[in-house]
């Protein structure tokens, strides 16, 4: 089985999702800011995060190609997984609208609330009612047509959704405390410029560390789901 991964930033890789996909039987093919036509037939398409927005396709024309491919795959119910920017691209491809959130930049290790539908979902079921995850986004999106909302936060309602065989997460289930700590360190100047307290963000990392087993199980269930869907 072939899992094609659209990566937009050098540091935003699969993290714990990589081993989970390999264990489920996938061979990972990475594309950096590029799309190939044959990707429409991949067993799984994973779209990662990035510093750009869905609306930045003028500066980043590969986003148009990604949206076109996602639209075709979702219309055919071919499995896709979107994370952060990837979730926003999936939402757009499915007919929603992405925009700069009115409630500001959401960053840090903080809980999401899983919906009742999520707690009954065959992939998500097994998590607690609230799970600490890594957040790093300023954009959000409206409800995705025909999708099931899976998670929310106090700041933004749209945090995860299921659409057919596909799943999307506005947050980063693939990140553990060590990886997220590196993101905070490497982005410290930008975070400070955005009015964020870097020391306070680092102080949240133990909460993410404590959630790593739960998030690892979620990533493993996602990978197994996609393997079944590909079969």
C-alpha atoms as a PDB file:
ATOM      1  CA  UNK A   1       0.000   0.000   0.000  1.00  0.00           C
ATOM      2  CA  UNK A   2       1.187   3.494  -0.850  1.00  0.00           C
ATOM      3  CA  UNK A   3       0.668   6.524   1.402  1.00  0.00           C
ATOM      4  CA  UNK A   4       1.537   9.806  -0.319  1.00  0.00           C
ATOM      5  CA  UNK A   5       2.409  12.612   2.090  1.00  0.00           C
ATOM      6  CA  UNK A   6       2.183  16.271   1.061  1.00  0.00           C
ATOM      7  CA  UNK A   7       4.672  18.133   3.246  1.00  0.00           C
ATOM      8  CA  UNK A   8       4.865  21.937   3.278  1.00  0.00           C
ATOM      9  CA  UNK A   9       7.578  22.697   5.842  1.00  0.00           C
ATOM     10  CA  UNK A  10      10.799  20.830   6.576  1.00  0.00           C
ATOM     11  CA  UNK A  11       9.978  20.484  10.281  1.00  0.00           C
ATOM     12  CA  UNK A  12       6.320  19.472   9.851  1.00  0.00           C
ATOM     13  CA  UNK A  13       6.784  15.782   9.135  1.00  0.00           C
ATOM     14  CA  UNK A  14       4.819  12.682  10.100  1.00  0.00           C
ATOM     15  CA  UNK A  15       6.392  12.332  13.576  1.00  0.00           C
ATOM     16  CA  UNK A  16       4.611   9.443  15.341  1.00  0.00           C
ATOM     17  CA  UNK A  17       2.346   8.879  12.337  1.00  0.00           C
ATOM     18  CA  UNK A  18       5.295   7.571  10.327  1.00  0.00           C
ATOM     19  CA  UNK A  19       5.873   4.406  12.386  1.00  0.00           C
ATOM     20  CA  UNK A  20       2.105   3.895  12.728  1.00  0.00           C
ATOM     21  CA  UNK A  21       1.629   3.912   8.948  1.00  0.00           C
ATOM     22  CA  UNK A  22       4.604   1.603   8.416  1.00  0.00           C
ATOM     23  CA  UNK A  23       3.305  -0.848  10.996  1.00  0.00           C
ATOM     24  CA  UNK A  24      -0.084  -0.842   9.261  1.00  0.00           C
ATOM     25  CA  UNK A  25       1.614  -1.848   5.997  1.00  0.00           C
ATOM     26  CA  UNK A  26       2.042   1.460   4.160  1.00  0.00           C
ATOM     27  CA  UNK A  27       5.062   2.546   2.151  1.00  0.00           C
ATOM     28  CA  UNK A  28       5.404   6.293   2.549  1.00  0.00           C
ATOM     29  CA  UNK A  29       6.073   8.532  -0.472  1.00  0.00           C
ATOM     30  CA  UNK A  30       6.910  12.123   0.485  1.00  0.00           C
ATOM     31  CA  UNK A  31       6.242  15.130  -1.738  1.00  0.00           C
ATOM     32  CA  UNK A  32       7.529  18.542  -0.689  1.00  0.00           C
ATOM     33  CA  UNK A  33       5.339  21.337  -2.039  1.00  0.00           C
ATOM     34  CA  UNK A  34       4.624  19.240  -5.133  1.00  0.00           C
ATOM     35  CA  UNK A  35       1.826  17.115  -6.562  1.00  0.00           C
ATOM     36  CA  UNK A  36       1.921  14.334  -9.139  1.00  0.00           C
ATOM     37  CA  UNK A  37      -1.110  13.210 -11.079  1.00  0.00           C
ATOM     38  CA  UNK A  38      -0.655   9.583 -10.033  1.00  0.00           C
ATOM     39  CA  UNK A  39      -1.272  10.653  -6.400  1.00  0.00           C
ATOM     40  CA  UNK A  40      -5.001  10.622  -7.086  1.00  0.00           C
ATOM     41  CA  UNK A  41      -4.845   6.815  -7.013  1.00  0.00           C
ATOM     42  CA  UNK A  42      -2.707   6.449  -3.869  1.00  0.00           C
ATOM     43  CA  UNK A  43      -4.101   4.134  -1.204  1.00  0.00           C
ATOM     44  CA  UNK A  44      -3.878   7.052   1.236  1.00  0.00           C
ATOM     45  CA  UNK A  45      -3.182  10.770   0.904  1.00  0.00           C
ATOM     46  CA  UNK A  46      -1.836  12.592   3.987  1.00  0.00           C
ATOM     47  CA  UNK A  47      -1.713  16.400   3.872  1.00  0.00           C
ATOM     48  CA  UNK A  48       0.414  17.997   6.580  1.00  0.00           C
ATOM     49  CA  UNK A  49       0.533  21.483   8.086  1.00  0.00           C
ATOM     50  CA  UNK A  50       2.289  24.616   6.912  1.00  0.00           C
ATOM     51  CA  UNK A  51       2.852  28.291   7.598  1.00  0.00           C
ATOM     52  CA  UNK A  52       0.820  29.382   4.562  1.00  0.00           C
ATOM     53  CA  UNK A  53      -2.967  29.591   4.346  1.00  0.00           C
ATOM     54  CA  UNK A  54      -5.397  27.977   1.937  1.00  0.00           C
ATOM     55  CA  UNK A  55      -6.007  31.466   0.518  1.00  0.00           C
ATOM     56  CA  UNK A  56      -2.279  31.919  -0.297  1.00  0.00           C
ATOM     57  CA  UNK A  57      -2.380  29.927  -3.532  1.00  0.00           C
ATOM     58  CA  UNK A  58      -1.197  32.981  -5.485  1.00  0.00           C
ATOM     59  CA  UNK A  59       2.181  32.778  -3.717  1.00  0.00           C
ATOM     60  CA  UNK A  60       2.040  28.990  -3.432  1.00  0.00           C
ATOM     61  CA  UNK A  61       0.532  27.515  -6.618  1.00  0.00           C
ATOM     62  CA  UNK A  62       1.027  23.950  -5.405  1.00  0.00           C
ATOM     63  CA  UNK A  63      -1.942  24.589  -3.075  1.00  0.00           C
ATOM     64  CA  UNK A  64      -4.264  24.779  -6.107  1.00  0.00           C
ATOM     65  CA  UNK A  65      -2.986  21.405  -7.293  1.00  0.00           C
ATOM     66  CA  UNK A  66      -3.480  19.920  -3.832  1.00  0.00           C
ATOM     67  CA  UNK A  67      -7.023  21.268  -3.627  1.00  0.00           C
ATOM     68  CA  UNK A  68      -7.897  19.852  -7.045  1.00  0.00           C
ATOM     69  CA  UNK A  69      -6.553  16.444  -6.106  1.00  0.00           C
ATOM     70  CA  UNK A  70      -8.290  16.475  -2.711  1.00  0.00           C
ATOM     71  CA  UNK A  71     -11.582  17.445  -4.342  1.00  0.00           C
ATOM     72  CA  UNK A  72     -11.342  14.503  -6.724  1.00  0.00           C
ATOM     73  CA  UNK A  73     -10.377  12.030  -4.006  1.00  0.00           C
ATOM     74  CA  UNK A  74     -13.093  13.167  -1.583  1.00  0.00           C
ATOM     75  CA  UNK A  75     -15.726  12.980  -4.326  1.00  0.00           C
ATOM     76  CA  UNK A  76     -14.694   9.347  -4.857  1.00  0.00           C
ATOM     77  CA  UNK A  77     -14.432   8.679  -1.083  1.00  0.00           C
ATOM     78  CA  UNK A  78     -10.749   7.794  -1.403  1.00  0.00           C
ATOM     79  CA  UNK A  79      -9.065   7.933   2.018  1.00  0.00           C
ATOM     80  CA  UNK A  80      -7.403  11.214   3.031  1.00  0.00           C
ATOM     81  CA  UNK A  81      -5.926  12.496   6.271  1.00  0.00           C
ATOM     82  CA  UNK A  82      -5.487  16.223   6.849  1.00  0.00           C
ATOM     83  CA  UNK A  83      -3.584  17.852   9.697  1.00  0.00           C
ATOM     84  CA  UNK A  84      -3.702  21.614  10.443  1.00  0.00           C
ATOM     85  CA  UNK A  85      -3.290  23.231   6.991  1.00  0.00           C
ATOM     86  CA  UNK A  86      -4.171  19.805   5.598  1.00  0.00           C
ATOM     87  CA  UNK A  87      -7.482  19.887   7.489  1.00  0.00           C
ATOM     88  CA  UNK A  88      -8.179  23.366   6.114  1.00  0.00           C
ATOM     89  CA  UNK A  89      -7.436  22.201   2.581  1.00  0.00           C
ATOM     90  CA  UNK A  90      -9.748  19.214   3.050  1.00  0.00           C
ATOM     91  CA  UNK A  91     -12.488  21.484   4.404  1.00  0.00           C
ATOM     92  CA  UNK A  92     -12.143  23.779   1.377  1.00  0.00           C
ATOM     93  CA  UNK A  93     -12.135  20.857  -1.048  1.00  0.00           C
ATOM     94  CA  UNK A  94     -15.339  19.583   0.577  1.00  0.00           C
ATOM     95  CA  UNK A  95     -17.129  22.915   0.156  1.00  0.00           C
ATOM     96  CA  UNK A  96     -16.388  24.792   3.381  1.00  0.00           C
ATOM     97  CA  UNK A  97     -14.759  28.214   3.863  1.00  0.00           C
ATOM     98  CA  UNK A  98     -11.421  28.818   5.591  1.00  0.00           C
ATOM     99  CA  UNK A  99     -10.708  32.194   7.166  1.00  0.00           C
ATOM    100  CA  UNK A 100      -8.606  33.945   9.795  1.00  0.00           C
ATOM    101  CA  UNK A 101     -10.164  33.087  13.141  1.00  0.00           C
ATOM    102  CA  UNK A 102     -11.729  35.922  15.141  1.00  0.00           C
ATOM    103  CA  UNK A 103     -10.583  34.413  18.419  1.00  0.00           C
ATOM    104  CA  UNK A 104      -6.884  34.766  17.717  1.00  0.00           C
ATOM    105  CA  UNK A 105      -3.848  32.537  17.412  1.00  0.00           C
ATOM    106  CA  UNK A 106      -4.398  29.159  19.120  1.00  0.00           C
ATOM    107  CA  UNK A 107      -1.044  27.720  20.181  1.00  0.00           C
ATOM    108  CA  UNK A 108       0.106  25.461  23.001  1.00  0.00           C
ATOM    109  CA  UNK A 109      -0.630  22.122  24.621  1.00  0.00           C
ATOM    110  CA  UNK A 110      -4.291  22.209  25.599  1.00  0.00           C
ATOM    111  CA  UNK A 111      -7.285  19.872  25.538  1.00  0.00           C
ATOM    112  CA  UNK A 112      -9.846  19.286  22.845  1.00  0.00           C
ATOM    113  CA  UNK A 113     -13.344  18.133  23.758  1.00  0.00           C
ATOM    114  CA  UNK A 114     -14.425  15.135  21.740  1.00  0.00           C
ATOM    115  CA  UNK A 115     -18.027  15.167  20.565  1.00  0.00           C
ATOM    116  CA  UNK A 116     -20.525  12.424  21.344  1.00  0.00           C
ATOM    117  CA  UNK A 117     -20.139  11.259  17.757  1.00  0.00           C
ATOM    118  CA  UNK A 118     -16.364  11.041  18.173  1.00  0.00           C
ATOM    119  CA  UNK A 119     -16.627   8.909  21.288  1.00  0.00           C
ATOM    120  CA  UNK A 120     -18.746   6.469  19.262  1.00  0.00           C
ATOM    121  CA  UNK A 121     -16.499   6.670  16.195  1.00  0.00           C
ATOM    122  CA  UNK A 122     -14.695   3.382  15.409  1.00  0.00           C
ATOM    123  CA  UNK A 123     -11.350   5.187  15.038  1.00  0.00           C
ATOM    124  CA  UNK A 124     -11.528   7.856  17.727  1.00  0.00           C
ATOM    125  CA  UNK A 125     -13.358   5.764  20.346  1.00  0.00           C
ATOM    126  CA  UNK A 126     -10.949   4.888  23.133  1.00  0.00           C
ATOM    127  CA  UNK A 127      -9.885   8.437  23.948  1.00  0.00           C
ATOM    128  CA  UNK A 128     -11.126  10.216  27.033  1.00  0.00           C
ATOM    129  CA  UNK A 129     -13.725  12.964  26.802  1.00  0.00           C
ATOM    130  CA  UNK A 130     -10.876  15.511  26.690  1.00  0.00           C
ATOM    131  CA  UNK A 131      -7.379  14.979  25.299  1.00  0.00           C
ATOM    132  CA  UNK A 132      -4.403  17.342  25.495  1.00  0.00           C
ATOM    133  CA  UNK A 133      -2.971  17.973  22.022  1.00  0.00           C
ATOM    134  CA  UNK A 134      -0.575  20.389  20.316  1.00  0.00           C
ATOM    135  CA  UNK A 135      -2.211  23.452  18.741  1.00  0.00           C
ATOM    136  CA  UNK A 136      -0.615  25.914  16.312  1.00  0.00           C
ATOM    137  CA  UNK A 137      -3.031  27.762  14.021  1.00  0.00           C
ATOM    138  CA  UNK A 138      -4.746  31.094  13.452  1.00  0.00           C
ATOM    139  CA  UNK A 139      -7.123  30.013  10.657  1.00  0.00           C
ATOM    140  CA  UNK A 140     -10.334  28.088  11.122  1.00  0.00           C
ATOM    141  CA  UNK A 141     -13.226  26.968   8.897  1.00  0.00           C
ATOM    142  CA  UNK A 142     -16.983  26.688   8.814  1.00  0.00           C
ATOM    143  CA  UNK A 143     -18.842  23.406   9.255  1.00  0.00           C
ATOM    144  CA  UNK A 144     -17.888  21.041   6.449  1.00  0.00           C
ATOM    145  CA  UNK A 145     -20.904  19.888   4.402  1.00  0.00           C
ATOM    146  CA  UNK A 146     -21.843  16.239   5.048  1.00  0.00           C
ATOM    147  CA  UNK A 147     -19.034  15.892   7.631  1.00  0.00           C
ATOM    148  CA  UNK A 148     -19.282  14.763  11.244  1.00  0.00           C
ATOM    149  CA  UNK A 149     -17.749  17.126  13.804  1.00  0.00           C
ATOM    150  CA  UNK A 150     -15.421  15.212  16.115  1.00  0.00           C
ATOM    151  CA  UNK A 151     -13.736  17.770  18.383  1.00  0.00           C
ATOM    152  CA  UNK A 152     -13.874  21.395  19.561  1.00  0.00           C
ATOM    153  CA  UNK A 153     -12.081  23.790  21.911  1.00  0.00           C
ATOM    154  CA  UNK A 154     -13.362  26.848  23.775  1.00  0.00           C
ATOM    155  CA  UNK A 155     -11.595  29.035  21.204  1.00  0.00           C
ATOM    156  CA  UNK A 156     -12.651  27.275  17.981  1.00  0.00           C
ATOM    157  CA  UNK A 157     -15.474  24.828  17.301  1.00  0.00           C
ATOM    158  CA  UNK A 158     -14.048  23.161  14.198  1.00  0.00           C
ATOM    159  CA  UNK A 159     -11.144  21.030  15.465  1.00  0.00           C
ATOM    160  CA  UNK A 160     -11.672  17.653  13.770  1.00  0.00           C
ATOM    161  CA  UNK A 161     -14.088  16.026  11.364  1.00  0.00           C
ATOM    162  CA  UNK A 162     -14.819  12.763   9.562  1.00  0.00           C
ATOM    163  CA  UNK A 163     -15.990  12.743   5.960  1.00  0.00           C
ATOM    164  CA  UNK A 164     -16.630   9.301   4.534  1.00  0.00           C
ATOM    165  CA  UNK A 165     -13.407   7.312   4.917  1.00  0.00           C
ATOM    166  CA  UNK A 166     -11.371  10.462   5.551  1.00  0.00           C
ATOM    167  CA  UNK A 167     -10.375  12.281   8.750  1.00  0.00           C
ATOM    168  CA  UNK A 168      -9.082  15.782   9.418  1.00  0.00           C
ATOM    169  CA  UNK A 169      -7.558  17.369  12.529  1.00  0.00           C
ATOM    170  CA  UNK A 170      -6.974  21.088  13.019  1.00  0.00           C
ATOM    171  CA  UNK A 171      -4.548  20.230  15.827  1.00  0.00           C
ATOM    172  CA  UNK A 172      -1.469  17.974  15.695  1.00  0.00           C
ATOM    173  CA  UNK A 173      -2.143  14.435  16.987  1.00  0.00           C
ATOM    174  CA  UNK A 174       1.206  13.342  15.543  1.00  0.00           C
ATOM    175  CA  UNK A 175       3.276  15.510  17.911  1.00  0.00           C
ATOM    176  CA  UNK A 176       4.710  14.514  21.273  1.00  0.00           C
ATOM    177  CA  UNK A 177       6.203  16.832  23.865  1.00  0.00           C
ATOM    178  CA  UNK A 178       9.751  16.632  22.489  1.00  0.00           C
ATOM    179  CA  UNK A 179       8.745  17.501  18.911  1.00  0.00           C
ATOM    180  CA  UNK A 180       6.428  20.283  20.034  1.00  0.00           C
ATOM    181  CA  UNK A 181       9.106  21.656  22.329  1.00  0.00           C
ATOM    182  CA  UNK A 182      11.417  21.955  19.323  1.00  0.00           C
ATOM    183  CA  UNK A 183       8.710  23.792  17.390  1.00  0.00           C
ATOM    184  CA  UNK A 184       8.345  26.264  20.253  1.00  0.00           C
ATOM    185  CA  UNK A 185      12.103  26.785  20.503  1.00  0.00           C
ATOM    186  CA  UNK A 186      12.572  27.223  16.758  1.00  0.00           C
ATOM    187  CA  UNK A 187       9.581  29.558  16.523  1.00  0.00           C
ATOM    188  CA  UNK A 188      10.296  31.521  19.702  1.00  0.00           C
ATOM    189  CA  UNK A 189      10.926  34.845  17.950  1.00  0.00           C
ATOM    190  CA  UNK A 190       7.727  34.620  15.930  1.00  0.00           C
ATOM    191  CA  UNK A 191       5.758  33.525  18.992  1.00  0.00           C
ATOM    192  CA  UNK A 192       7.067  36.457  21.017  1.00  0.00           C
ATOM    193  CA  UNK A 193       6.239  38.834  18.170  1.00  0.00           C
ATOM    194  CA  UNK A 194       2.689  37.416  18.206  1.00  0.00           C
ATOM    195  CA  UNK A 195       2.387  38.224  21.909  1.00  0.00           C
ATOM    196  CA  UNK A 196       2.853  34.683  23.208  1.00  0.00           C
ATOM    197  CA  UNK A 197       4.825  33.822  26.360  1.00  0.00           C
ATOM    198  CA  UNK A 198       7.323  31.198  25.240  1.00  0.00           C
ATOM    199  CA  UNK A 199       8.161  30.122  28.800  1.00  0.00           C
ATOM    200  CA  UNK A 200       4.465  29.605  29.536  1.00  0.00           C
ATOM    201  CA  UNK A 201       4.091  27.508  26.375  1.00  0.00           C
ATOM    202  CA  UNK A 202       7.039  25.335  27.392  1.00  0.00           C
ATOM    203  CA  UNK A 203       5.475  24.914  30.828  1.00  0.00           C
ATOM    204  CA  UNK A 204       2.519  23.179  29.135  1.00  0.00           C
ATOM    205  CA  UNK A 205       4.685  20.421  27.652  1.00  0.00           C
ATOM    206  CA  UNK A 206       4.360  17.994  30.614  1.00  0.00           C
ATOM    207  CA  UNK A 207       0.610  17.875  29.949  1.00  0.00           C
ATOM    208  CA  UNK A 208       1.322  16.836  26.360  1.00  0.00           C
ATOM    209  CA  UNK A 209       3.877  14.295  27.572  1.00  0.00           C
ATOM    210  CA  UNK A 210       1.208  12.713  29.779  1.00  0.00           C
ATOM    211  CA  UNK A 211      -1.118  12.384  26.755  1.00  0.00           C
ATOM    212  CA  UNK A 212       1.424  10.717  24.460  1.00  0.00           C
ATOM    213  CA  UNK A 213       0.211   7.147  24.992  1.00  0.00           C
ATOM    214  CA  UNK A 214      -3.377   8.152  24.206  1.00  0.00           C
ATOM    215  CA  UNK A 215      -2.310  10.071  21.106  1.00  0.00           C
ATOM    216  CA  UNK A 216      -0.070   7.214  19.991  1.00  0.00           C
ATOM    217  CA  UNK A 217      -3.019   4.834  20.214  1.00  0.00           C
ATOM    218  CA  UNK A 218      -5.133   7.268  18.183  1.00  0.00           C
ATOM    219  CA  UNK A 219      -2.497   7.445  15.439  1.00  0.00           C
ATOM    220  CA  UNK A 220      -2.262   3.653  15.367  1.00  0.00           C
ATOM    221  CA  UNK A 221      -6.040   3.315  15.041  1.00  0.00           C
ATOM    222  CA  UNK A 222      -6.037   5.882  12.234  1.00  0.00           C
ATOM    223  CA  UNK A 223      -3.337   3.949  10.375  1.00  0.00           C
ATOM    224  CA  UNK A 224      -5.199   0.646  10.768  1.00  0.00           C
ATOM    225  CA  UNK A 225      -8.443   2.286   9.595  1.00  0.00           C
ATOM    226  CA  UNK A 226      -6.747   3.549   6.433  1.00  0.00           C
ATOM    227  CA  UNK A 227      -5.204   0.142   5.812  1.00  0.00           C
ATOM    228  CA  UNK A 228      -8.661  -1.447   5.989  1.00  0.00           C
ATOM    229  CA  UNK A 229     -10.083   1.278   3.747  1.00  0.00           C
ATOM    230  CA  UNK A 230      -7.354   0.654   1.200  1.00  0.00           C
ATOM    231  CA  UNK A 231      -8.100  -3.045   1.213  1.00  0.00           C
END
